Protein backbone atom coordinates (compact mmCIF):
# COMPACT_ATOMS: atom_id res chain seq x y z
CA MET A 1 42.57 -53.64 -100.23
CA LYS A 2 38.78 -53.05 -100.63
CA ALA A 3 38.07 -54.83 -97.53
CA LYS A 4 40.17 -52.71 -95.66
CA CYS A 5 38.62 -49.53 -97.06
CA ILE A 6 35.14 -50.90 -96.19
CA GLY A 7 36.40 -51.49 -92.66
CA ILE A 8 37.60 -47.94 -92.21
CA LEU A 9 34.29 -46.49 -93.42
CA LEU A 10 32.20 -48.91 -91.31
CA VAL A 11 34.17 -47.74 -88.26
CA ALA A 12 33.62 -44.02 -89.16
CA PHE A 13 29.91 -44.65 -89.75
CA LEU A 14 29.39 -46.14 -86.18
CA THR A 15 31.73 -43.34 -84.82
CA LEU A 16 29.11 -40.91 -86.32
CA ILE A 17 26.15 -42.81 -84.95
CA GLY A 18 27.69 -43.09 -81.34
CA CYS A 19 28.54 -39.46 -80.82
CA ASP A 20 24.78 -38.31 -81.51
CA SER A 21 23.99 -36.24 -78.36
CA ASN A 22 20.20 -35.81 -79.40
CA THR A 23 18.07 -37.80 -76.54
CA GLY A 24 14.86 -36.08 -77.35
CA THR A 25 12.91 -39.02 -78.23
CA LEU A 26 14.60 -41.77 -75.91
CA GLY A 27 12.21 -44.03 -74.62
CA MET A 28 9.32 -43.00 -76.75
CA ASP A 29 9.30 -46.44 -78.53
CA ALA A 30 8.63 -47.72 -75.04
CA LEU A 31 5.43 -45.74 -74.33
CA LEU A 32 2.24 -47.66 -74.79
CA GLU A 33 0.07 -45.88 -77.50
CA LEU A 34 -2.67 -45.16 -75.12
CA SER A 35 -0.51 -43.47 -72.68
CA THR A 36 -0.26 -39.96 -74.55
CA GLN A 37 -2.46 -36.98 -73.34
CA SER A 38 -4.02 -34.00 -75.21
CA GLY A 39 -5.23 -30.90 -73.59
CA ASP A 40 -7.85 -28.47 -73.99
CA ALA A 41 -8.69 -24.97 -72.97
CA ALA A 42 -12.26 -24.09 -71.86
CA ILE A 43 -13.83 -21.13 -70.02
CA PHE A 44 -16.19 -21.28 -67.30
CA ASN A 45 -18.37 -18.82 -65.28
CA VAL A 46 -17.99 -18.89 -61.66
CA THR A 47 -19.97 -17.00 -59.05
CA SER A 48 -19.14 -16.69 -55.25
CA ARG A 49 -20.53 -15.05 -52.27
CA SER A 50 -19.47 -14.35 -48.64
CA VAL A 51 -21.36 -16.07 -45.89
CA ASN A 52 -21.45 -14.65 -42.53
CA ALA A 53 -20.11 -17.06 -39.94
CA ALA A 54 -21.55 -15.72 -37.02
CA ASN A 55 -20.79 -18.45 -34.26
CA VAL A 56 -17.34 -19.57 -34.60
CA TYR A 57 -15.70 -21.29 -31.95
CA SER A 58 -12.55 -19.01 -30.22
CA LYS A 59 -9.21 -20.81 -29.46
CA ALA A 60 -8.89 -20.05 -25.85
CA ASN A 61 -5.29 -20.32 -25.04
CA ILE A 62 -3.78 -17.74 -27.51
CA GLY A 63 -5.08 -14.23 -27.55
CA TYR A 64 -4.81 -12.45 -31.50
CA LEU A 65 -4.40 -8.82 -30.92
CA GLY A 66 -4.11 -6.14 -33.69
CA LYS A 67 -5.53 -5.53 -37.47
CA LEU A 68 -4.55 -6.99 -40.74
CA ASN A 69 -5.98 -5.53 -43.96
CA ASN A 70 -4.97 -7.28 -47.17
CA GLU A 71 -5.96 -9.04 -50.53
CA THR A 72 -7.73 -11.60 -48.84
CA GLY A 73 -9.94 -8.99 -46.72
CA TYR A 74 -10.13 -7.24 -43.20
CA PHE A 75 -9.30 -9.05 -39.93
CA GLU A 76 -9.37 -7.29 -36.44
CA SER A 77 -8.92 -9.22 -33.36
CA SER A 78 -8.75 -8.32 -29.59
CA PHE A 79 -9.06 -10.45 -26.44
CA ILE A 80 -10.38 -10.75 -22.91
CA GLY A 81 -7.88 -12.61 -20.16
CA GLU A 82 -8.12 -13.93 -16.93
CA LEU A 83 -5.29 -14.17 -14.40
CA ARG A 84 -5.11 -16.92 -11.94
CA CYS A 85 -3.21 -17.94 -8.51
CA LYS A 86 -2.63 -21.24 -6.84
CA ASP A 87 -4.91 -22.62 -4.07
CA ASN A 88 -4.31 -20.91 -0.76
CA PHE A 89 -2.13 -18.26 -2.31
CA THR A 90 -0.23 -16.19 0.27
CA PHE A 91 2.51 -13.67 0.17
CA PRO A 92 5.54 -13.75 2.57
CA ASP A 93 5.24 -12.44 6.05
CA VAL A 94 6.80 -9.31 6.95
CA TYR A 95 10.18 -9.33 8.46
CA GLN A 96 9.71 -9.02 12.53
CA GLU A 97 12.27 -9.50 15.22
CA ASN A 98 11.33 -10.98 18.74
CA ALA A 99 11.33 -8.61 21.72
CA ASN A 100 14.74 -9.59 22.94
CA GLY A 101 16.24 -9.29 19.52
CA THR A 102 17.39 -13.07 19.64
CA GLY A 103 15.42 -14.06 16.51
CA ALA A 104 13.05 -13.07 13.98
CA THR A 105 10.15 -14.15 11.52
CA GLY A 106 9.47 -13.20 8.24
CA ILE A 107 11.55 -11.94 5.23
CA MET A 108 9.55 -9.25 3.56
CA ALA A 109 10.97 -5.81 4.02
CA GLY A 110 8.13 -3.64 4.48
CA ASP A 111 4.62 -4.40 3.86
CA SER A 112 4.11 -2.97 0.57
CA VAL A 113 4.89 -3.36 -3.31
CA VAL A 114 8.03 -1.92 -4.85
CA SER A 115 6.58 -1.99 -8.26
CA THR A 116 3.75 -3.49 -10.43
CA ARG A 117 3.46 -4.20 -13.91
CA LEU A 118 1.44 -6.04 -16.47
CA VAL A 119 3.17 -8.03 -19.18
CA LEU A 120 2.01 -9.55 -22.46
CA TYR A 121 4.12 -12.16 -23.96
CA TYR A 122 4.24 -13.34 -27.66
CA SER A 123 6.75 -15.67 -29.66
CA SER A 124 4.94 -15.03 -33.08
CA TRP A 125 3.13 -12.59 -35.41
CA LEU A 126 1.55 -11.91 -38.64
CA GLY A 127 1.75 -9.26 -40.92
CA ASP A 128 4.54 -6.36 -41.05
CA SER A 129 6.91 -6.59 -37.67
CA LEU A 130 7.92 -2.88 -37.97
CA ASN A 131 4.50 -1.24 -38.38
CA ALA A 132 4.00 0.94 -35.51
CA CYS A 133 0.56 0.21 -33.45
CA ARG A 134 -0.61 1.15 -30.12
CA MET A 135 -2.49 -1.17 -27.73
CA SER A 136 -4.63 -0.17 -24.67
CA VAL A 137 -5.56 -2.80 -21.76
CA TYR A 138 -8.74 -2.24 -19.49
CA GLU A 139 -9.50 -3.77 -16.42
CA LEU A 140 -12.95 -6.22 -16.51
CA ASN A 141 -16.19 -4.82 -15.11
CA ASP A 142 -18.73 -6.49 -13.07
CA GLU A 143 -20.75 -7.72 -16.18
CA TRP A 144 -17.92 -10.17 -17.05
CA LEU A 145 -18.55 -11.74 -13.78
CA THR A 146 -22.04 -12.84 -14.52
CA ASP A 147 -21.55 -13.86 -18.11
CA ARG A 148 -18.35 -15.77 -17.57
CA ILE A 149 -20.31 -18.24 -15.92
CA GLU A 150 -21.93 -19.48 -19.36
CA PRO A 151 -19.37 -20.33 -21.83
CA ASN A 152 -21.48 -19.76 -24.71
CA HIS A 153 -21.35 -16.09 -24.05
CA TYR A 154 -17.57 -15.87 -24.80
CA ARG A 155 -16.21 -18.93 -26.29
CA TYR A 156 -17.55 -17.88 -29.63
CA SER A 157 -16.09 -14.89 -31.76
CA HIS A 158 -19.57 -13.19 -32.17
CA PHE A 159 -19.77 -11.90 -28.50
CA ASP A 160 -19.42 -8.00 -27.88
CA ALA A 161 -16.64 -7.46 -25.55
CA SER A 162 -17.19 -3.77 -25.26
CA LYS A 163 -19.82 -4.26 -22.54
CA TYR A 164 -17.30 -6.06 -20.61
CA TYR A 165 -15.12 -2.99 -19.75
CA ASN A 166 -15.33 0.50 -19.05
CA ALA A 167 -13.39 3.60 -20.53
CA SER A 168 -12.35 4.87 -17.29
CA ASP A 169 -10.70 1.43 -15.98
CA LEU A 170 -7.60 1.96 -18.41
CA LEU A 171 -4.73 -0.09 -17.08
CA GLY A 172 -2.20 1.43 -19.51
CA ARG A 173 -1.70 2.22 -23.15
CA ARG A 174 1.56 1.79 -24.95
CA ALA A 175 2.82 2.24 -28.46
CA TYR A 176 4.84 -0.86 -30.07
CA THR A 177 6.03 -2.85 -32.93
CA ALA A 178 6.43 -6.75 -33.11
CA TYR A 179 10.24 -6.59 -33.76
CA ASP A 180 11.54 -4.00 -31.00
CA VAL A 181 14.32 -2.03 -32.63
CA SER A 182 15.46 -0.71 -29.36
CA VAL A 183 17.00 -3.82 -28.08
CA PRO A 184 20.54 -4.17 -29.48
CA ASP A 185 21.43 -7.26 -31.71
CA SER A 186 24.01 -8.45 -28.91
CA VAL A 187 21.09 -8.57 -26.50
CA ARG A 188 18.49 -10.17 -28.84
CA GLN A 189 20.79 -12.98 -30.16
CA ALA A 190 21.83 -13.61 -26.23
CA THR A 191 18.23 -14.15 -25.54
CA ASP A 192 16.67 -15.12 -28.77
CA ASP A 193 15.22 -18.23 -27.44
CA CYS A 194 12.87 -15.92 -25.16
CA GLU A 195 9.65 -14.56 -25.84
CA SER A 196 8.87 -11.06 -26.88
CA CYS A 197 6.80 -8.80 -24.75
CA ILE A 198 5.12 -5.54 -24.17
CA ALA A 199 5.10 -4.29 -20.56
CA PHE A 200 2.81 -1.80 -18.95
CA ARG A 201 3.95 -0.16 -15.78
CA LEU A 202 0.86 -0.01 -13.16
CA ASP A 203 0.19 2.29 -10.27
CA ASN A 204 1.52 0.81 -7.16
CA ALA A 205 -1.85 1.09 -5.56
CA ARG A 206 -3.14 -1.88 -7.64
CA GLY A 207 -0.47 -4.17 -6.28
CA ASN A 208 -0.98 -3.04 -2.90
CA GLU A 209 -4.63 -3.51 -3.14
CA ILE A 210 -3.94 -7.15 -4.04
CA LEU A 211 -1.44 -7.66 -1.19
CA LYS A 212 -4.11 -5.89 1.11
CA ALA A 213 -6.99 -8.46 0.20
CA ALA A 214 -4.77 -11.52 0.79
CA ARG A 215 -3.62 -10.05 4.29
CA GLN A 216 -7.22 -10.09 5.38
CA LEU A 217 -7.67 -13.67 4.72
CA GLU A 218 -5.98 -16.24 7.17
CA ASN A 219 -5.03 -18.68 4.55
CA GLY A 220 -4.64 -16.28 1.48
CA PHE A 221 -6.84 -16.51 -1.67
CA PRO A 222 -8.73 -19.68 -1.55
CA ASP A 223 -8.34 -20.44 -5.34
CA ALA A 224 -8.26 -18.84 -8.72
CA GLU A 225 -12.08 -18.39 -8.73
CA TYR A 226 -12.10 -16.23 -5.56
CA PHE A 227 -9.21 -13.97 -7.22
CA ILE A 228 -11.21 -13.66 -10.15
CA ASN A 229 -14.58 -12.78 -8.50
CA HIS A 230 -13.12 -10.79 -5.50
CA VAL A 231 -9.89 -9.29 -6.20
CA PHE A 232 -8.90 -8.91 -9.78
CA LYS A 233 -11.65 -9.84 -12.45
CA GLY A 234 -9.15 -9.83 -15.44
CA ILE A 235 -8.18 -7.68 -18.58
CA TYR A 236 -9.50 -6.47 -22.05
CA ALA A 237 -6.65 -5.93 -24.51
CA LYS A 238 -7.22 -4.08 -27.88
CA ASN A 239 -5.56 -2.32 -30.73
CA ASP A 240 -6.56 1.35 -31.05
CA PHE A 241 -4.26 2.68 -33.67
CA GLY A 242 -1.90 1.05 -36.35
CA ASP A 243 -2.68 -1.57 -39.20
CA GLY A 244 -1.04 -4.46 -40.82
CA LEU A 245 0.01 -6.58 -37.51
CA ILE A 246 -1.46 -9.09 -35.66
CA LEU A 247 0.33 -10.38 -32.59
CA CYS A 248 -0.32 -14.04 -31.07
CA ILE A 249 -0.22 -13.47 -27.29
CA ASN A 250 0.97 -16.61 -25.62
CA ARG A 251 0.87 -15.57 -21.78
CA VAL A 252 -0.24 -12.29 -19.63
CA ASP A 253 1.43 -11.86 -16.53
CA LEU A 254 0.54 -9.48 -13.42
CA GLN A 255 4.01 -9.13 -11.98
CA MET A 256 4.43 -7.46 -8.27
CA GLN A 257 7.91 -6.79 -7.13
CA PHE A 258 8.83 -6.76 -3.40
CA ARG A 259 12.10 -6.38 -1.57
CA PHE A 260 13.22 -9.14 1.04
CA HIS A 261 15.66 -9.32 3.82
CA TYR A 262 18.64 -12.05 3.56
CA VAL A 263 18.27 -13.72 6.74
CA ASP A 264 20.27 -16.20 9.03
CA GLU A 265 19.05 -19.65 8.65
CA GLU A 266 18.91 -20.53 12.49
CA THR A 267 17.86 -17.23 14.10
CA GLY A 268 15.97 -15.78 11.22
CA LEU A 269 17.47 -12.34 11.81
CA ALA A 270 18.50 -9.97 8.96
CA LEU A 271 21.97 -10.32 7.87
CA LYS A 272 23.98 -7.23 7.44
CA LYS A 273 26.26 -6.24 4.81
CA THR A 274 30.12 -6.54 5.35
CA THR A 275 31.34 -4.13 2.54
CA ASP A 276 30.32 -0.95 0.81
CA ASP A 277 28.53 -1.26 -2.97
CA SER A 278 25.95 0.19 -5.09
CA HIS A 279 23.09 -0.98 -2.86
CA GLY A 280 24.28 0.10 0.45
CA LYS A 281 27.10 0.61 3.10
CA ALA A 282 28.62 -1.97 5.58
CA GLY A 283 26.33 -2.55 8.37
CA SER A 284 22.96 -2.13 6.61
CA ASP A 285 20.61 -4.63 5.81
CA SER A 286 21.12 -7.24 2.72
CA LEU A 287 18.24 -7.19 0.98
CA TYR A 288 17.33 -8.61 -2.63
CA SER A 289 14.31 -8.03 -5.13
CA GLU A 290 12.07 -10.65 -6.48
CA ARG A 291 8.52 -10.68 -8.47
CA ILE A 292 5.72 -12.53 -7.54
CA VAL A 293 3.63 -13.39 -10.58
CA LEU A 294 -0.03 -14.07 -11.23
CA ALA A 295 -0.30 -15.51 -14.87
CA SER A 296 -2.94 -16.72 -17.46
CA THR A 297 -3.01 -20.16 -18.20
CA GLN A 298 -4.40 -22.60 -20.88
CA ASN A 299 -7.36 -23.85 -18.79
CA ILE A 300 -8.57 -20.08 -18.56
CA LEU A 301 -8.85 -17.25 -20.97
CA PRO A 302 -6.87 -16.38 -22.98
């Protein structure tokens, strides 16, 4: 009887030990004596100063534009950009029928530009995307053509861009936010993989000047250097209103829109419309619009 009671007490004792859920000291016995650490607090006097880094290399394939003022300091950036064309760049020939009307050459409907615009593309930004800002874009002056020969004049952030443009050479001015609230969500979601952009509509006289310059050369513009030195030097873009936003400009395009004839593949004659629609009546010329683009690339500014 005593043995039975002792057995019951032993089981109860083991059960109480097994139900202990306190694991705070689990594994402490396995630690080495020297593995424990102690901490102390101390105060040190530290001094700092700002150093003017006057000669910082500027990354040339991205144009940073805007102003940002926060707890880390004040940052402001503008950029200069050049546009380029391919070698021996020409515009399509103007449509012209032969004397007997049995054939034709060229496809351009009239020798003029329909519309001209400058477009700055960006896919990222720093700061508040809803901050209202304003951008001004100017054409570069002749002094830029002299200094661009020496990279040390513009490849570093300390150069003075103000001497490379004149206030009278304003190409356009636009208010903007990084996040365009005027675009419906349905359109934004459908084109979410595309870059955002800020477009400046230019006077068609500028596009026609470029067209005329190319027509005067037998083989068009020889190369990008000729185009920059003799036709369009480039642009200077700066923020002149607003704070708290920096755009990262990936590309700058000069887009010129023209109208072209749909032509017969064999004779080259302009095709006529067979039905009425919003673009014309049956029997009129079949026309379409297309843009010719001169763009910045990574091997030149920005």
